[in-house]
Amino acid sequence: MRLTDEARGALFTHARDGRPEEVAGVLAGPDSETVTRVERAENVADDPRRRYELDPVEQAEILDAVETRGETVVGFYHSHPRDPPVPSATDERLATWDGYVYLIVSPDESSLAAYRWTGERFESVRLD
């Protein structure tokens, strides 16, 4: 999967600005393997320091806007403010979008990692 420098910068900025809470949003681009746009979403989880949840109405609005622009939804992202960019047990339990990328940003480590949800588990995706 390709991540433009602008998209990478936007992910780290959002993750750093949101600390100590997890941040989240939608990844979009011209095709399913290229992220050129980062769409921020509000984290509406009950405990945003430990997990994330997108508001379903806002998520639908973002997905519609991506489609209206003629772009593709590549996947979703969230941050792990204090932990490495590895899916947690909660991430696995709450994953629902089969075939889409879930990107995790770790602002303290200045690292990120991408995974594709298979419906049963996360599989690592190479980032270029």
C-alpha atoms as a PDB file:
ATOM      1  CA  MET A   1       0.000   0.000   0.000  1.00  0.00           C
ATOM      2  CA  ARG A   2       1.276   3.462  -0.868  1.00  0.00           C
ATOM      3  CA  LEU A   3       0.924   6.368   1.549  1.00  0.00           C
ATOM      4  CA  THR A   4       1.788   9.841   0.234  1.00  0.00           C
ATOM      5  CA  ASP A   5       4.019  12.088   2.328  1.00  0.00           C
ATOM      6  CA  GLU A   6       1.095  14.484   2.797  1.00  0.00           C
ATOM      7  CA  ALA A   7      -1.167  11.707   4.079  1.00  0.00           C
ATOM      8  CA  ARG A   8       1.566  10.373   6.363  1.00  0.00           C
ATOM      9  CA  GLY A   9       2.093  13.855   7.803  1.00  0.00           C
ATOM     10  CA  ALA A  10      -1.642  14.343   8.336  1.00  0.00           C
ATOM     11  CA  LEU A  11      -1.854  11.044  10.239  1.00  0.00           C
ATOM     12  CA  PHE A  12       0.968  11.946  12.621  1.00  0.00           C
ATOM     13  CA  THR A  13      -0.371  15.475  13.123  1.00  0.00           C
ATOM     14  CA  HIS A  14      -3.825  14.163  14.015  1.00  0.00           C
ATOM     15  CA  ALA A  15      -2.400  11.508  16.359  1.00  0.00           C
ATOM     16  CA  ARG A  16      -0.119  13.991  18.132  1.00  0.00           C
ATOM     17  CA  ASP A  17      -2.812  16.667  18.410  1.00  0.00           C
ATOM     18  CA  GLY A  18      -5.260  14.164  19.889  1.00  0.00           C
ATOM     19  CA  ARG A  19      -3.023  12.821  22.648  1.00  0.00           C
ATOM     20  CA  PRO A  20      -3.663  11.452  25.192  1.00  0.00           C
ATOM     21  CA  GLU A  21      -6.813  10.153  23.481  1.00  0.00           C
ATOM     22  CA  GLU A  22      -6.978   7.837  20.494  1.00  0.00           C
ATOM     23  CA  VAL A  23      -7.921   9.541  17.247  1.00  0.00           C
ATOM     24  CA  ALA A  24      -9.583   7.967  14.236  1.00  0.00           C
ATOM     25  CA  GLY A  25     -10.704   8.561  10.697  1.00  0.00           C
ATOM     26  CA  VAL A  26     -11.000   7.333   7.133  1.00  0.00           C
ATOM     27  CA  LEU A  27      -8.285   6.752   4.519  1.00  0.00           C
ATOM     28  CA  ALA A  28      -9.091   7.632   0.907  1.00  0.00           C
ATOM     29  CA  GLY A  29      -7.338   7.725  -2.426  1.00  0.00           C
ATOM     30  CA  PRO A  30      -7.575   7.137  -6.163  1.00  0.00           C
ATOM     31  CA  ASP A  31      -7.552   3.344  -5.736  1.00  0.00           C
ATOM     32  CA  SER A  32      -7.658   0.709  -2.999  1.00  0.00           C
ATOM     33  CA  GLU A  33      -3.858   0.652  -2.605  1.00  0.00           C
ATOM     34  CA  THR A  34      -3.032   4.379  -2.472  1.00  0.00           C
ATOM     35  CA  VAL A  35      -3.802   6.787   0.379  1.00  0.00           C
ATOM     36  CA  THR A  36      -3.748  10.449  -0.644  1.00  0.00           C
ATOM     37  CA  ARG A  37      -6.366  11.820   1.759  1.00  0.00           C
ATOM     38  CA  VAL A  38      -6.900  11.499   5.510  1.00  0.00           C
ATOM     39  CA  GLU A  39     -10.417  12.298   6.725  1.00  0.00           C
ATOM     40  CA  ARG A  40     -10.551  12.993  10.456  1.00  0.00           C
ATOM     41  CA  ALA A  41     -13.511  11.699  12.439  1.00  0.00           C
ATOM     42  CA  GLU A  42     -14.566  12.297  16.009  1.00  0.00           C
ATOM     43  CA  ASN A  43     -13.765   9.512  18.462  1.00  0.00           C
ATOM     44  CA  VAL A  44     -17.073   8.910  20.268  1.00  0.00           C
ATOM     45  CA  ALA A  45     -15.903   5.952  22.380  1.00  0.00           C
ATOM     46  CA  ASP A  46     -16.914   5.931  26.049  1.00  0.00           C
ATOM     47  CA  ASP A  47     -13.226   5.721  26.989  1.00  0.00           C
ATOM     48  CA  PRO A  48     -11.312   7.478  24.169  1.00  0.00           C
ATOM     49  CA  ARG A  49      -7.992   7.052  25.962  1.00  0.00           C
ATOM     50  CA  ARG A  50      -8.254   3.291  25.535  1.00  0.00           C
ATOM     51  CA  ARG A  51     -10.297   2.716  22.388  1.00  0.00           C
ATOM     52  CA  TYR A  52     -11.911   4.387  19.428  1.00  0.00           C
ATOM     53  CA  GLU A  53     -15.329   4.388  17.848  1.00  0.00           C
ATOM     54  CA  LEU A  54     -16.574   6.354  14.856  1.00  0.00           C
ATOM     55  CA  ASP A  55     -20.006   7.928  14.983  1.00  0.00           C
ATOM     56  CA  PRO A  56     -22.051   5.972  12.397  1.00  0.00           C
ATOM     57  CA  VAL A  57     -23.705   9.108  10.984  1.00  0.00           C
ATOM     58  CA  GLU A  58     -20.400  10.974  10.614  1.00  0.00           C
ATOM     59  CA  GLN A  59     -18.778   7.864   9.133  1.00  0.00           C
ATOM     60  CA  ALA A  60     -21.540   7.582   6.520  1.00  0.00           C
ATOM     61  CA  GLU A  61     -21.130  11.280   5.667  1.00  0.00           C
ATOM     62  CA  ILE A  62     -17.375  10.859   5.203  1.00  0.00           C
ATOM     63  CA  LEU A  63     -17.821   7.749   3.055  1.00  0.00           C
ATOM     64  CA  ASP A  64     -20.409   9.568   0.907  1.00  0.00           C
ATOM     65  CA  ALA A  65     -18.061  12.558   0.479  1.00  0.00           C
ATOM     66  CA  VAL A  66     -15.213  10.263  -0.593  1.00  0.00           C
ATOM     67  CA  GLU A  67     -17.460   8.605  -3.168  1.00  0.00           C
ATOM     68  CA  THR A  68     -18.804  11.958  -4.392  1.00  0.00           C
ATOM     69  CA  ARG A  69     -15.233  13.107  -5.081  1.00  0.00           C
ATOM     70  CA  GLY A  70     -14.694   9.970  -7.156  1.00  0.00           C
ATOM     71  CA  GLU A  71     -12.203   8.563  -4.672  1.00  0.00           C
ATOM     72  CA  THR A  72     -11.973   5.131  -3.084  1.00  0.00           C
ATOM     73  CA  VAL A  73     -12.239   4.295   0.599  1.00  0.00           C
ATOM     74  CA  VAL A  74      -8.947   2.530   1.321  1.00  0.00           C
ATOM     75  CA  GLY A  75      -9.698   1.884   4.973  1.00  0.00           C
ATOM     76  CA  PHE A  76      -9.647   3.357   8.432  1.00  0.00           C
ATOM     77  CA  TYR A  77      -7.071   4.583  10.905  1.00  0.00           C
ATOM     78  CA  HIS A  78      -6.699   5.146  14.595  1.00  0.00           C
ATOM     79  CA  SER A  79      -3.901   5.892  17.003  1.00  0.00           C
ATOM     80  CA  HIS A  80      -2.295   4.060  19.887  1.00  0.00           C
ATOM     81  CA  PRO A  81      -1.020   7.065  21.890  1.00  0.00           C
ATOM     82  CA  ARG A  82       1.056   5.010  24.319  1.00  0.00           C
ATOM     83  CA  ASP A  83       1.505   1.696  22.546  1.00  0.00           C
ATOM     84  CA  PRO A  84       3.133   0.347  19.382  1.00  0.00           C
ATOM     85  CA  PRO A  85       1.101   0.219  16.157  1.00  0.00           C
ATOM     86  CA  VAL A  86      -0.079  -3.357  16.631  1.00  0.00           C
ATOM     87  CA  PRO A  87      -3.765  -4.375  16.686  1.00  0.00           C
ATOM     88  CA  SER A  88      -5.062  -4.903  20.201  1.00  0.00           C
ATOM     89  CA  ALA A  89      -7.543  -7.565  21.252  1.00  0.00           C
ATOM     90  CA  THR A  90     -10.166  -4.796  21.261  1.00  0.00           C
ATOM     91  CA  ASP A  91      -9.203  -3.794  17.706  1.00  0.00           C
ATOM     92  CA  GLU A  92      -9.723  -7.382  16.576  1.00  0.00           C
ATOM     93  CA  ARG A  93     -13.017  -7.748  18.416  1.00  0.00           C
ATOM     94  CA  LEU A  94     -14.440  -4.555  16.900  1.00  0.00           C
ATOM     95  CA  ALA A  95     -13.132  -4.873  13.309  1.00  0.00           C
ATOM     96  CA  THR A  96     -15.997  -5.148  10.830  1.00  0.00           C
ATOM     97  CA  TRP A  97     -14.830  -4.015   7.391  1.00  0.00           C
ATOM     98  CA  ASP A  98     -13.562  -7.163   5.651  1.00  0.00           C
ATOM     99  CA  GLY A  99     -10.885  -6.504   3.041  1.00  0.00           C
ATOM    100  CA  TYR A 100     -10.215  -2.944   4.140  1.00  0.00           C
ATOM    101  CA  VAL A 101      -6.996  -1.552   5.578  1.00  0.00           C
ATOM    102  CA  TYR A 102      -6.775  -0.611   9.242  1.00  0.00           C
ATOM    103  CA  LEU A 103      -3.817   1.682   9.818  1.00  0.00           C
ATOM    104  CA  ILE A 104      -2.511   2.275  13.341  1.00  0.00           C
ATOM    105  CA  VAL A 105      -0.446   5.347  14.222  1.00  0.00           C
ATOM    106  CA  SER A 106       1.880   5.456  17.227  1.00  0.00           C
ATOM    107  CA  PRO A 107       2.799   9.133  17.707  1.00  0.00           C
ATOM    108  CA  ASP A 108       5.271   8.573  20.554  1.00  0.00           C
ATOM    109  CA  GLU A 109       7.230   6.071  18.482  1.00  0.00           C
ATOM    110  CA  SER A 110       6.722   8.044  15.253  1.00  0.00           C
ATOM    111  CA  SER A 111       5.688   4.814  13.599  1.00  0.00           C
ATOM    112  CA  LEU A 112       2.692   3.386  11.850  1.00  0.00           C
ATOM    113  CA  ALA A 113       1.620   0.036  10.497  1.00  0.00           C
ATOM    114  CA  ALA A 114      -1.146  -1.185   8.222  1.00  0.00           C
ATOM    115  CA  TYR A 115      -3.212  -4.350   8.430  1.00  0.00           C
ATOM    116  CA  ARG A 116      -5.989  -5.812   6.315  1.00  0.00           C
ATOM    117  CA  TRP A 117      -8.943  -7.335   8.146  1.00  0.00           C
ATOM    118  CA  THR A 118      -9.808 -10.755   6.697  1.00  0.00           C
ATOM    119  CA  GLY A 119     -12.986 -11.215   8.703  1.00  0.00           C
ATOM    120  CA  GLU A 120     -11.099 -13.412  11.156  1.00  0.00           C
ATOM    121  CA  ARG A 121      -7.768 -11.703  11.763  1.00  0.00           C
ATOM    122  CA  PHE A 122      -5.496  -8.842  10.775  1.00  0.00           C
ATOM    123  CA  GLU A 123      -2.814  -9.485   8.152  1.00  0.00           C
ATOM    124  CA  SER A 124       0.140  -7.137   7.859  1.00  0.00           C
ATOM    125  CA  VAL A 125       0.221  -4.877   4.793  1.00  0.00           C
ATOM    126  CA  ARG A 126       3.461  -3.432   3.448  1.00  0.00           C
ATOM    127  CA  LEU A 127       3.599   0.369   3.433  1.00  0.00           C
ATOM    128  CA  ASP A 128       5.533   2.253   0.767  1.00  0.00           C
END
